[in-house]
Amino acid sequence: MTVYPDPLQPVFQAAGVSRETEAAGAVGAGEVLRPDTAPSVSGPTAHGSDDNAGDSTVWTPIAEEAARATRVLHPDSLQLPRPARRRVLTVANQKGGVGKTTSTVNVAAALAIHGLKVLVIDLDPQGNASTALAVEHRSGTPSVYEVLIGEMSVAEAAQVSPTSPNLYCVPATIDLAGAEIELVSMVARESRLKEALSPEALDPIRPDYVFIDCPPSLGLLTVNAMVAAQEVLIPIQCEYYALEGLGQLLRNIELVQAHLNPTLLVSTILLTMYDGRTKLADQVTSEVRGHFGDTVLRTVIPRSVKVSEAPGFGQTVLTYDPGSRGAMSYLDAAREIAEYGAEMGSA
């Protein structure tokens, strides 16, 4: 009887799993093998021949993605450096749909998975960051609304995200939609969040990073976020309309610097939704880099279906599809942010 080779055997070998083990269900569908259990994978030469003729393992796209996913989910040798001091960053852009919430949750998750403690403040009444981090945010849940009006501390409202034990989120509920109206009559209305994020209030959590996800507007909630923060992270979509609103955002930041928070700094600009098939994306990228220089991260976040799908499953892209281009790009962006934070102390 003729025995035909199993076409999937090289894939299982490259991932470090035998055909029999997989059939027995020893490795689950969502489980990724650690790097120390996977054999080295040799790739084909430029002419399509295998350098190691006697080695049965071959390069495959599935094996490569599995290796990338392993590096993301099991970062034993990729711990990111801690910042010299606690960093509080406001993620702001009054234009909607530029990737504010997506960038907030994915950068936060990347930092948390790689050993840093991160707190996300969901200051958008839509509560999308809370959804992506899979924390409860139904009406009546302790939320940022209670924190702003002084009924609860940040530590009491914070929930641990299933994404990582290092990742905390203060959720937003529908109650936040009316908060701007209520804040108008309050004393020091622009500084409510700053008072809530005092060092003493954050000490029970002890985060290395605090990210404040702003609503797509320049109202009182966004002003509170800018007064509370030390730095601003601006996501910019690689399209013309995103550039149009950037000038207005920068003017508002200057007003906050002049009257409310003189130490506020635009420290990071992240280019998102980059489509390499279009000349416009390259033009926007060149223009932003030419104007802002080193403030713009080297990493560019590509358009990715996986990034868009992940929140529907209550996940970040790093847990939904850790081997995808989007996950690797956000991991690279988080690494740049962490390295800059570590350098701030030595500067």
Protein backbone atom coordinates (compact mmCIF):
# COMPACT_ATOMS: atom_id res chain seq x y z
CA MET A 1 0.00 0.00 0.00
CA THR A 2 1.35 3.40 -0.95
CA VAL A 3 1.79 5.81 1.97
CA TYR A 4 1.34 9.47 1.03
CA PRO A 5 3.08 12.23 3.04
CA ASP A 6 0.93 14.36 5.34
CA PRO A 7 0.88 17.89 3.82
CA LEU A 8 0.32 19.51 7.25
CA GLN A 9 3.20 17.71 8.95
CA PRO A 10 5.77 20.50 8.24
CA VAL A 11 3.41 23.05 9.83
CA PHE A 12 3.07 21.03 13.03
CA GLN A 13 6.82 20.40 13.09
CA ALA A 14 7.58 24.10 12.67
CA ALA A 15 5.25 24.93 15.58
CA GLY A 16 6.80 22.19 17.71
CA VAL A 17 3.71 19.98 17.75
CA SER A 18 3.47 16.42 16.48
CA ARG A 19 0.51 15.38 14.34
CA GLU A 20 -0.47 12.86 16.99
CA THR A 21 -0.31 15.39 19.80
CA GLU A 22 -2.53 17.80 17.92
CA ALA A 23 -5.02 15.04 17.15
CA ALA A 24 -5.12 14.11 20.82
CA GLY A 25 -6.01 17.67 21.74
CA ALA A 26 -2.95 18.19 23.94
CA VAL A 27 -2.55 21.76 22.61
CA GLY A 28 -5.68 23.91 22.56
CA ALA A 29 -6.74 26.06 19.62
CA GLY A 30 -5.85 29.28 21.41
CA GLU A 31 -2.67 28.05 23.13
CA VAL A 32 0.72 29.15 21.91
CA LEU A 33 3.83 27.12 22.59
CA ARG A 34 6.68 28.84 24.40
CA PRO A 35 9.81 29.62 22.37
CA ASP A 36 11.99 27.18 24.28
CA THR A 37 9.80 24.27 23.18
CA ALA A 38 9.82 25.11 19.47
CA PRO A 39 12.59 23.90 17.16
CA SER A 40 14.42 26.28 14.89
CA VAL A 41 12.76 26.85 11.56
CA SER A 42 14.87 27.08 8.44
CA GLY A 43 13.61 29.09 5.52
CA PRO A 44 13.92 28.54 1.78
CA THR A 45 16.68 30.23 -0.15
CA ALA A 46 16.04 32.91 -2.74
CA HIS A 47 15.93 30.18 -5.40
CA GLY A 48 13.29 28.22 -3.54
CA SER A 49 15.58 25.39 -2.37
CA ASP A 50 16.03 24.45 1.26
CA ASP A 51 19.48 25.17 2.74
CA ASN A 52 19.18 22.14 5.03
CA ALA A 53 18.27 19.36 2.66
CA GLY A 54 18.22 16.80 5.43
CA ASP A 55 15.96 18.89 7.70
CA SER A 56 12.26 18.11 7.30
CA THR A 57 11.15 21.43 8.87
CA VAL A 58 10.32 24.18 6.38
CA TRP A 59 9.27 27.81 6.60
CA THR A 60 5.52 28.39 6.33
CA PRO A 61 3.39 31.51 6.86
CA ILE A 62 1.52 29.74 9.67
CA ALA A 63 4.77 28.87 11.44
CA GLU A 64 5.99 32.45 11.12
CA GLU A 65 2.75 33.84 12.57
CA ALA A 66 2.88 31.31 15.41
CA ALA A 67 6.42 32.45 16.22
CA ARG A 68 5.31 36.09 16.23
CA ALA A 69 2.35 35.29 18.48
CA THR A 70 4.68 33.47 20.88
CA ARG A 71 6.92 36.51 21.13
CA VAL A 72 3.90 38.71 21.95
CA LEU A 73 2.17 36.46 24.49
CA HIS A 74 5.29 35.02 26.18
CA PRO A 75 7.70 37.96 26.36
CA ASP A 76 10.15 36.36 28.80
CA SER A 77 13.13 38.11 27.22
CA LEU A 78 11.29 41.23 26.03
CA GLN A 79 10.43 43.03 29.26
CA LEU A 80 10.01 46.73 28.57
CA PRO A 81 11.90 49.28 30.69
CA ARG A 82 10.06 51.09 33.47
CA PRO A 83 9.76 54.87 33.16
CA ALA A 84 11.90 57.03 35.41
CA ARG A 85 8.68 58.42 36.88
CA ARG A 86 4.97 57.73 36.51
CA ARG A 87 3.74 58.94 33.13
CA VAL A 88 0.21 60.30 32.62
CA LEU A 89 -0.71 60.60 28.94
CA THR A 90 -3.88 62.03 27.44
CA VAL A 91 -4.82 60.44 24.10
CA ALA A 92 -6.64 63.22 22.29
CA ASN A 93 -7.85 64.26 18.86
CA GLN A 94 -11.20 65.98 18.38
CA LYS A 95 -11.69 64.22 15.04
CA GLY A 96 -13.52 60.92 15.45
CA GLY A 97 -12.39 57.68 13.87
CA VAL A 98 -8.65 58.32 13.93
CA GLY A 99 -7.82 55.43 16.29
CA LYS A 100 -7.77 57.13 19.72
CA THR A 101 -9.47 54.36 21.66
CA THR A 102 -7.91 51.60 19.57
CA SER A 103 -4.44 53.02 20.13
CA THR A 104 -5.08 53.61 23.84
CA VAL A 105 -6.16 50.07 24.64
CA ASN A 106 -3.62 48.31 22.42
CA VAL A 107 -0.60 50.34 23.57
CA ALA A 108 -1.77 49.90 27.17
CA ALA A 109 -2.17 46.14 26.68
CA ALA A 110 1.26 45.83 25.06
CA LEU A 111 2.92 47.62 27.97
CA ALA A 112 0.99 45.53 30.52
CA ILE A 113 1.73 42.19 28.84
CA HIS A 114 5.42 43.13 28.85
CA GLY A 115 5.66 43.70 32.58
CA LEU A 116 4.53 47.29 33.23
CA LYS A 117 1.52 48.28 35.33
CA VAL A 118 -0.96 50.39 33.36
CA LEU A 119 -4.18 52.24 34.23
CA VAL A 120 -6.63 53.29 31.49
CA ILE A 121 -9.13 56.06 32.28
CA ASP A 122 -12.09 55.80 29.89
CA LEU A 123 -13.27 59.41 29.62
CA ASP A 124 -15.44 58.85 26.54
CA PRO A 125 -19.17 58.43 27.34
CA GLN A 126 -19.37 55.85 24.54
CA GLY A 127 -17.32 53.50 26.73
CA ASN A 128 -15.46 51.87 23.84
CA ALA A 129 -12.21 51.48 25.77
CA SER A 130 -14.14 49.70 28.52
CA THR A 131 -15.60 47.35 25.92
CA ALA A 132 -12.22 46.56 24.37
CA LEU A 133 -10.71 45.81 27.78
CA ALA A 134 -13.70 43.60 28.72
CA VAL A 135 -14.56 45.46 31.92
CA GLU A 136 -18.13 45.95 33.16
CA HIS A 137 -19.59 49.35 32.25
CA ARG A 138 -23.35 49.05 32.52
CA SER A 139 -25.25 51.87 34.18
CA GLY A 140 -24.75 51.71 37.95
CA THR A 141 -21.21 50.32 37.71
CA PRO A 142 -18.61 52.34 39.65
CA SER A 143 -17.09 54.51 36.95
CA VAL A 144 -15.15 57.64 36.08
CA TYR A 145 -18.34 59.67 36.54
CA GLU A 146 -18.33 58.99 40.29
CA VAL A 147 -14.61 59.79 40.33
CA LEU A 148 -15.15 63.18 38.67
CA ILE A 149 -17.91 64.29 41.03
CA GLY A 150 -15.93 63.15 44.06
CA GLU A 151 -18.07 60.24 45.22
CA MET A 152 -15.39 57.59 44.72
CA SER A 153 -11.62 57.27 44.40
CA VAL A 154 -9.83 55.99 41.30
CA ALA A 155 -8.67 52.89 43.16
CA GLU A 156 -12.26 52.05 44.15
CA ALA A 157 -13.57 52.45 40.58
CA ALA A 158 -10.73 50.64 38.80
CA GLN A 159 -11.25 47.10 37.51
CA VAL A 160 -8.62 44.58 36.44
CA SER A 161 -8.88 43.74 32.75
CA PRO A 162 -8.86 40.06 31.70
CA THR A 163 -6.19 41.04 29.17
CA SER A 164 -3.48 41.17 31.84
CA PRO A 165 -3.27 41.32 35.65
CA ASN A 166 -1.12 44.43 35.14
CA LEU A 167 -3.86 46.28 33.25
CA TYR A 168 -6.51 48.31 35.10
CA CYS A 169 -9.42 50.31 33.70
CA VAL A 170 -11.71 52.92 35.19
CA PRO A 171 -14.78 52.41 32.96
CA ALA A 172 -17.16 54.95 31.46
CA THR A 173 -20.91 54.51 31.78
CA ILE A 174 -23.80 56.36 30.17
CA ASP A 175 -23.86 58.62 33.27
CA LEU A 176 -20.75 60.33 31.92
CA ALA A 177 -22.79 61.80 29.06
CA GLY A 178 -24.27 64.39 31.43
CA ALA A 179 -21.09 65.03 33.36
CA GLU A 180 -20.03 68.07 31.33
CA ILE A 181 -23.26 69.86 32.24
CA GLU A 182 -22.84 68.99 35.92
CA LEU A 183 -19.19 70.05 35.96
CA VAL A 184 -20.03 73.57 34.74
CA SER A 185 -21.30 74.63 38.16
CA MET A 186 -18.53 72.92 40.16
CA VAL A 187 -15.57 74.67 41.75
CA ALA A 188 -12.29 74.11 39.85
CA ARG A 189 -14.23 72.28 37.16
CA GLU A 190 -11.20 71.96 34.86
CA SER A 191 -9.13 70.27 37.58
CA ARG A 192 -11.52 67.59 38.84
CA LEU A 193 -9.66 64.74 37.16
CA LYS A 194 -6.27 66.11 38.19
CA GLU A 195 -7.34 66.00 41.84
CA ALA A 196 -8.65 62.46 41.37
CA LEU A 197 -5.32 61.33 39.88
CA SER A 198 -3.10 62.70 42.62
CA PRO A 199 -0.09 60.55 43.58
CA GLU A 200 -1.81 59.57 46.82
CA ALA A 201 -4.96 58.44 44.96
CA LEU A 202 -2.91 56.32 42.53
CA ASP A 203 -0.64 54.72 45.13
CA PRO A 204 -2.98 51.73 45.83
CA ILE A 205 -2.63 50.75 42.14
CA ARG A 206 0.93 52.04 41.62
CA PRO A 207 0.72 52.29 37.81
CA ASP A 208 3.78 53.02 35.69
CA TYR A 209 1.55 54.49 32.99
CA VAL A 210 -1.85 56.21 33.05
CA PHE A 211 -3.63 56.63 29.71
CA ILE A 212 -6.69 58.90 29.49
CA ASP A 213 -8.91 58.10 26.51
CA CYS A 214 -10.70 61.32 25.51
CA PRO A 215 -14.01 61.80 23.69
CA PRO A 216 -13.86 63.10 20.08
CA SER A 217 -14.48 66.71 21.12
CA LEU A 218 -12.73 69.65 22.75
CA GLY A 219 -15.19 70.03 25.63
CA LEU A 220 -14.78 70.06 29.39
CA LEU A 221 -13.96 66.36 29.65
CA THR A 222 -11.03 66.74 27.24
CA VAL A 223 -9.86 69.87 29.07
CA ASN A 224 -9.94 67.90 32.34
CA ALA A 225 -7.81 65.21 30.72
CA MET A 226 -5.23 67.75 29.52
CA VAL A 227 -5.02 69.45 32.89
CA ALA A 228 -4.52 66.08 34.62
CA ALA A 229 -1.83 64.84 32.23
CA GLN A 230 1.85 65.53 31.78
CA GLU A 231 1.89 64.52 28.11
CA VAL A 232 -0.40 64.34 25.09
CA LEU A 233 -0.39 61.44 22.65
CA ILE A 234 -2.04 62.40 19.35
CA PRO A 235 -3.14 59.63 16.95
CA ILE A 236 -3.32 60.91 13.37
CA GLN A 237 -5.07 59.02 10.61
CA CYS A 238 -3.06 59.01 7.39
CA GLU A 239 -5.67 61.06 5.50
CA TYR A 240 -6.14 64.73 4.70
CA TYR A 241 -9.13 65.43 6.98
CA ALA A 242 -7.13 64.29 10.00
CA LEU A 243 -4.52 66.96 9.28
CA GLU A 244 -7.19 69.64 8.95
CA GLY A 245 -8.33 69.29 12.57
CA LEU A 246 -4.80 68.99 13.97
CA GLY A 247 -4.23 72.75 13.95
CA GLN A 248 -7.29 73.37 16.08
CA LEU A 249 -6.24 70.69 18.56
CA LEU A 250 -2.76 72.21 18.89
CA ARG A 251 -4.25 75.67 19.50
CA ASN A 252 -6.39 74.24 22.31
CA ILE A 253 -3.35 72.54 23.82
CA GLU A 254 -1.55 75.91 23.76
CA LEU A 255 -4.48 77.51 25.61
CA VAL A 256 -4.32 74.80 28.28
CA GLN A 257 -0.57 75.31 28.56
CA ALA A 258 -1.01 79.07 28.93
CA HIS A 259 -3.76 79.06 31.54
CA LEU A 260 -4.14 75.69 33.25
CA ASN A 261 -1.20 73.30 32.79
CA PRO A 262 2.07 74.99 31.75
CA THR A 263 4.04 71.71 31.87
CA LEU A 264 1.80 69.91 29.34
CA LEU A 265 3.85 68.47 26.49
CA VAL A 266 2.93 66.97 23.13
CA SER A 267 5.35 64.08 23.52
CA THR A 268 4.06 61.50 21.04
CA ILE A 269 2.34 61.43 17.66
CA LEU A 270 1.23 58.07 16.29
CA LEU A 271 0.31 57.61 12.65
CA THR A 272 -2.62 55.20 12.27
CA MET A 273 -4.62 53.49 9.52
CA TYR A 274 -1.70 53.63 7.11
CA ASP A 275 -2.51 52.16 3.70
CA GLY A 276 0.69 51.59 1.76
CA ARG A 277 -1.25 51.21 -1.49
CA THR A 278 -2.07 54.93 -1.62
CA LYS A 279 0.19 57.90 -2.32
CA LEU A 280 -1.91 60.01 0.06
CA ALA A 281 -0.80 57.95 3.05
CA ASP A 282 2.86 58.52 2.15
CA GLN A 283 2.25 62.24 1.63
CA VAL A 284 0.52 62.64 5.01
CA THR A 285 3.27 60.63 6.71
CA SER A 286 6.01 62.77 5.14
CA GLU A 287 4.22 66.01 6.01
CA VAL A 288 3.66 65.05 9.65
CA ARG A 289 7.24 63.81 10.08
CA GLY A 290 8.59 66.95 8.41
CA HIS A 291 6.65 69.24 10.76
CA PHE A 292 6.92 67.36 14.08
CA GLY A 293 10.22 65.51 13.68
CA ASP A 294 11.16 63.06 16.42
CA THR A 295 7.82 63.54 18.19
CA VAL A 296 6.37 61.16 15.58
CA LEU A 297 6.95 57.49 16.39
CA ARG A 298 8.91 55.50 13.82
CA THR A 299 6.22 52.83 13.98
CA VAL A 300 3.17 53.32 11.76
CA ILE A 301 -0.05 51.41 12.48
CA PRO A 302 -1.37 49.80 9.26
CA ARG A 303 -4.99 49.37 8.32
CA SER A 304 -5.96 45.96 9.67
CA VAL A 305 -9.21 44.04 9.78
CA LYS A 306 -7.99 42.20 12.87
CA VAL A 307 -7.58 45.48 14.77
CA SER A 308 -11.18 46.39 13.91
CA GLU A 309 -12.57 42.96 14.77
CA ALA A 310 -10.94 42.60 18.20
CA PRO A 311 -13.25 44.93 20.23
CA GLY A 312 -16.27 42.93 19.09
CA PHE A 313 -14.87 40.02 21.10
CA GLY A 314 -13.98 42.18 24.11
CA GLN A 315 -10.28 41.91 23.35
CA THR A 316 -7.33 43.94 22.19
CA VAL A 317 -5.65 42.85 18.97
CA LEU A 318 -2.71 41.54 21.02
CA THR A 319 -4.89 38.81 22.51
CA TYR A 320 -7.32 38.42 19.59
CA ASP A 321 -4.63 37.81 16.94
CA PRO A 322 -1.17 38.26 18.47
CA GLY A 323 0.65 37.29 15.28
CA SER A 324 -1.08 39.87 13.08
CA ARG A 325 0.55 42.95 11.59
CA GLY A 326 -1.61 45.20 13.76
CA ALA A 327 -0.54 43.48 16.98
CA MET A 328 3.14 43.64 16.08
CA SER A 329 2.84 47.32 15.12
CA TYR A 330 1.22 48.26 18.43
CA LEU A 331 3.87 46.26 20.27
CA ASP A 332 6.59 48.21 18.43
CA ALA A 333 4.84 51.50 19.24
CA ALA A 334 4.62 50.54 22.92
CA ARG A 335 8.32 49.68 22.90
CA GLU A 336 9.17 53.13 21.53
CA ILE A 337 7.00 54.81 24.17
CA ALA A 338 8.62 52.74 26.94
CA GLU A 339 12.14 53.47 25.72
CA TYR A 340 11.36 57.20 25.62
CA GLY A 341 10.00 57.00 29.16
CA ALA A 342 13.17 55.31 30.38
CA GLU A 343 15.33 57.93 28.65
CA MET A 344 13.41 60.81 30.30
CA GLY A 345 15.04 59.99 33.63
CA SER A 346 18.56 59.92 32.23
CA ALA A 347 18.13 63.15 30.26
